Amino acid sequence: MVKKIIIFCMLAVQLYSNTIFDNKCVPCHKDLPTSLQQMFMQYLKLYSSQTNVKYVLKYYLKHPSKELSAMSDLFIDVYGIKNPTKLSDKELKQAIDTYWDRYKVIDKLK
């Protein structure tokens, strides 16, 4: 009985630990040839700072356009521009914050 309770608790924690980013962003990107980490590096290279990257991502996700995309023209020609997000501003902020925290490089440099 105790084992069942422990397993149930572990599964519940796993389900609730998934973020908006994991539930809403990752599934749509999993079949693309470019990973979310590679896309992050492209945005970081183009927009350089945390503030700029987060601002551009939020704007882009609400108003997708070829001009703001960090992806190549070939990528856009093949896969197109995404549809505007249906996430609320609060959910979008949480997803972008998770994206930044997961892939930022500054804390990983030694």
C-alpha atoms as a PDB file:
ATOM      1  CA  MET A   1       0.000   0.000   0.000  1.00  0.00           C
ATOM      2  CA  VAL A   2       2.819   2.383   0.911  1.00  0.00           C
ATOM      3  CA  LYS A   3       4.507   1.670  -2.426  1.00  0.00           C
ATOM      4  CA  LYS A   4       1.311   2.583  -4.282  1.00  0.00           C
ATOM      5  CA  ILE A   5       1.042   5.877  -2.402  1.00  0.00           C
ATOM      6  CA  ILE A   6       4.677   6.720  -3.148  1.00  0.00           C
ATOM      7  CA  ILE A   7       4.266   5.879  -6.834  1.00  0.00           C
ATOM      8  CA  PHE A   8       1.071   7.933  -7.019  1.00  0.00           C
ATOM      9  CA  CYS A   9       2.803  10.917  -5.372  1.00  0.00           C
ATOM     10  CA  MET A  10       5.744  10.665  -7.765  1.00  0.00           C
ATOM     11  CA  LEU A  11       3.424  10.594 -10.767  1.00  0.00           C
ATOM     12  CA  ALA A  12       1.427  13.537  -9.433  1.00  0.00           C
ATOM     13  CA  VAL A  13       4.594  15.582  -8.928  1.00  0.00           C
ATOM     14  CA  GLN A  14       5.711  14.727 -12.459  1.00  0.00           C
ATOM     15  CA  LEU A  15       2.379  15.807 -13.944  1.00  0.00           C
ATOM     16  CA  TYR A  16       2.281  19.070 -12.038  1.00  0.00           C
ATOM     17  CA  SER A  17       5.948  19.863 -12.581  1.00  0.00           C
ATOM     18  CA  ASN A  18       5.441  20.168 -16.327  1.00  0.00           C
ATOM     19  CA  THR A  19       5.362  23.807 -17.263  1.00  0.00           C
ATOM     20  CA  ILE A  20       3.307  25.695 -19.815  1.00  0.00           C
ATOM     21  CA  PHE A  21       6.450  25.621 -21.943  1.00  0.00           C
ATOM     22  CA  ASP A  22       6.602  21.808 -21.724  1.00  0.00           C
ATOM     23  CA  ASN A  23       2.896  21.380 -22.392  1.00  0.00           C
ATOM     24  CA  LYS A  24       2.263  24.045 -25.037  1.00  0.00           C
ATOM     25  CA  CYS A  25       5.573  24.816 -26.772  1.00  0.00           C
ATOM     26  CA  VAL A  26       7.646  21.647 -26.834  1.00  0.00           C
ATOM     27  CA  PRO A  27       5.026  19.405 -28.525  1.00  0.00           C
ATOM     28  CA  CYS A  28       4.728  21.725 -31.544  1.00  0.00           C
ATOM     29  CA  HIS A  29       8.495  21.971 -31.976  1.00  0.00           C
ATOM     30  CA  LYS A  30       9.423  18.312 -31.490  1.00  0.00           C
ATOM     31  CA  ASP A  31       9.061  17.400 -35.173  1.00  0.00           C
ATOM     32  CA  LEU A  32      11.018  20.351 -36.554  1.00  0.00           C
ATOM     33  CA  PRO A  33      14.607  19.826 -37.728  1.00  0.00           C
ATOM     34  CA  THR A  34      15.841  22.666 -35.518  1.00  0.00           C
ATOM     35  CA  SER A  35      15.677  22.182 -31.757  1.00  0.00           C
ATOM     36  CA  LEU A  36      14.329  24.775 -29.352  1.00  0.00           C
ATOM     37  CA  GLN A  37      17.866  25.187 -28.037  1.00  0.00           C
ATOM     38  CA  GLN A  38      19.161  25.966 -31.542  1.00  0.00           C
ATOM     39  CA  MET A  39      16.341  28.465 -32.026  1.00  0.00           C
ATOM     40  CA  PHE A  40      17.195  30.029 -28.682  1.00  0.00           C
ATOM     41  CA  MET A  41      20.812  30.475 -29.781  1.00  0.00           C
ATOM     42  CA  GLN A  42      19.637  32.142 -33.008  1.00  0.00           C
ATOM     43  CA  TYR A  43      17.467  34.616 -31.069  1.00  0.00           C
ATOM     44  CA  LEU A  44      20.290  35.251 -28.597  1.00  0.00           C
ATOM     45  CA  LYS A  45      22.719  35.899 -31.455  1.00  0.00           C
ATOM     46  CA  LEU A  46      20.313  38.335 -33.130  1.00  0.00           C
ATOM     47  CA  TYR A  47      18.909  40.147 -30.100  1.00  0.00           C
ATOM     48  CA  SER A  48      21.810  39.663 -27.631  1.00  0.00           C
ATOM     49  CA  SER A  49      20.282  40.360 -24.212  1.00  0.00           C
ATOM     50  CA  GLN A  50      17.747  38.705 -21.959  1.00  0.00           C
ATOM     51  CA  THR A  51      15.486  41.759 -22.099  1.00  0.00           C
ATOM     52  CA  ASN A  52      15.592  41.985 -25.900  1.00  0.00           C
ATOM     53  CA  VAL A  53      15.158  38.256 -26.493  1.00  0.00           C
ATOM     54  CA  LYS A  54      12.171  38.025 -24.154  1.00  0.00           C
ATOM     55  CA  TYR A  55      10.583  41.158 -25.614  1.00  0.00           C
ATOM     56  CA  VAL A  56      10.994  39.997 -29.214  1.00  0.00           C
ATOM     57  CA  LEU A  57       9.783  36.473 -28.433  1.00  0.00           C
ATOM     58  CA  LYS A  58       6.664  37.793 -26.722  1.00  0.00           C
ATOM     59  CA  TYR A  59       5.929  40.153 -29.587  1.00  0.00           C
ATOM     60  CA  TYR A  60       6.725  37.524 -32.226  1.00  0.00           C
ATOM     61  CA  LEU A  61       4.522  34.894 -30.595  1.00  0.00           C
ATOM     62  CA  LYS A  62       1.611  37.337 -30.543  1.00  0.00           C
ATOM     63  CA  HIS A  63       2.331  38.786 -34.012  1.00  0.00           C
ATOM     64  CA  PRO A  64       4.408  36.264 -35.993  1.00  0.00           C
ATOM     65  CA  SER A  65       6.261  37.695 -38.986  1.00  0.00           C
ATOM     66  CA  LYS A  66       9.128  36.723 -41.230  1.00  0.00           C
ATOM     67  CA  GLU A  67      10.981  39.915 -40.308  1.00  0.00           C
ATOM     68  CA  LEU A  68      11.134  39.089 -36.594  1.00  0.00           C
ATOM     69  CA  SER A  69      11.860  35.398 -36.973  1.00  0.00           C
ATOM     70  CA  ALA A  70      15.393  34.269 -36.267  1.00  0.00           C
ATOM     71  CA  MET A  71      14.959  31.343 -38.618  1.00  0.00           C
ATOM     72  CA  SER A  72      16.401  31.270 -42.128  1.00  0.00           C
ATOM     73  CA  ASP A  73      14.344  32.083 -45.218  1.00  0.00           C
ATOM     74  CA  LEU A  74      14.631  28.429 -46.281  1.00  0.00           C
ATOM     75  CA  PHE A  75      13.265  27.233 -42.935  1.00  0.00           C
ATOM     76  CA  ILE A  76      10.360  29.687 -43.187  1.00  0.00           C
ATOM     77  CA  ASP A  77       9.675  28.719 -46.809  1.00  0.00           C
ATOM     78  CA  VAL A  78       9.465  25.043 -45.838  1.00  0.00           C
ATOM     79  CA  TYR A  79       7.742  25.265 -42.430  1.00  0.00           C
ATOM     80  CA  GLY A  80       6.064  28.651 -42.631  1.00  0.00           C
ATOM     81  CA  ILE A  81       5.384  31.205 -39.926  1.00  0.00           C
ATOM     82  CA  LYS A  82       3.559  29.991 -36.852  1.00  0.00           C
ATOM     83  CA  ASN A  83       0.049  31.092 -35.994  1.00  0.00           C
ATOM     84  CA  PRO A  84      -0.359  33.713 -33.261  1.00  0.00           C
ATOM     85  CA  THR A  85      -0.298  32.221 -29.778  1.00  0.00           C
ATOM     86  CA  LYS A  86      -3.492  31.558 -27.890  1.00  0.00           C
ATOM     87  CA  LEU A  87      -1.711  31.766 -24.548  1.00  0.00           C
ATOM     88  CA  SER A  88      -2.683  34.532 -22.141  1.00  0.00           C
ATOM     89  CA  ASP A  89      -0.091  37.196 -21.330  1.00  0.00           C
ATOM     90  CA  LYS A  90       0.587  35.501 -17.985  1.00  0.00           C
ATOM     91  CA  GLU A  91       1.028  32.060 -19.591  1.00  0.00           C
ATOM     92  CA  LEU A  92       3.191  33.531 -22.340  1.00  0.00           C
ATOM     93  CA  LYS A  93       5.446  35.232 -19.784  1.00  0.00           C
ATOM     94  CA  GLN A  94       5.795  31.981 -17.840  1.00  0.00           C
ATOM     95  CA  ALA A  95       6.611  30.016 -21.004  1.00  0.00           C
ATOM     96  CA  ILE A  96       9.221  32.545 -22.146  1.00  0.00           C
ATOM     97  CA  ASP A  97      10.767  32.678 -18.666  1.00  0.00           C
ATOM     98  CA  THR A  98      11.012  28.879 -18.627  1.00  0.00           C
ATOM     99  CA  TYR A  99      12.517  28.908 -22.127  1.00  0.00           C
ATOM    100  CA  TRP A 100      15.109  31.470 -21.058  1.00  0.00           C
ATOM    101  CA  ASP A 101      15.981  29.632 -17.846  1.00  0.00           C
ATOM    102  CA  ARG A 102      16.304  26.299 -19.593  1.00  0.00           C
ATOM    103  CA  TYR A 103      18.593  27.397 -22.425  1.00  0.00           C
ATOM    104  CA  LYS A 104      20.477  30.464 -21.182  1.00  0.00           C
ATOM    105  CA  VAL A 105      24.207  30.036 -21.470  1.00  0.00           C
ATOM    106  CA  ILE A 106      25.557  32.651 -19.093  1.00  0.00           C
ATOM    107  CA  ASP A 107      25.209  30.509 -15.960  1.00  0.00           C
ATOM    108  CA  LYS A 108      26.620  27.496 -17.784  1.00  0.00           C
ATOM    109  CA  LEU A 109      29.914  29.133 -18.801  1.00  0.00           C
ATOM    110  CA  LYS A 110      32.870  28.423 -16.550  1.00  0.00           C
END
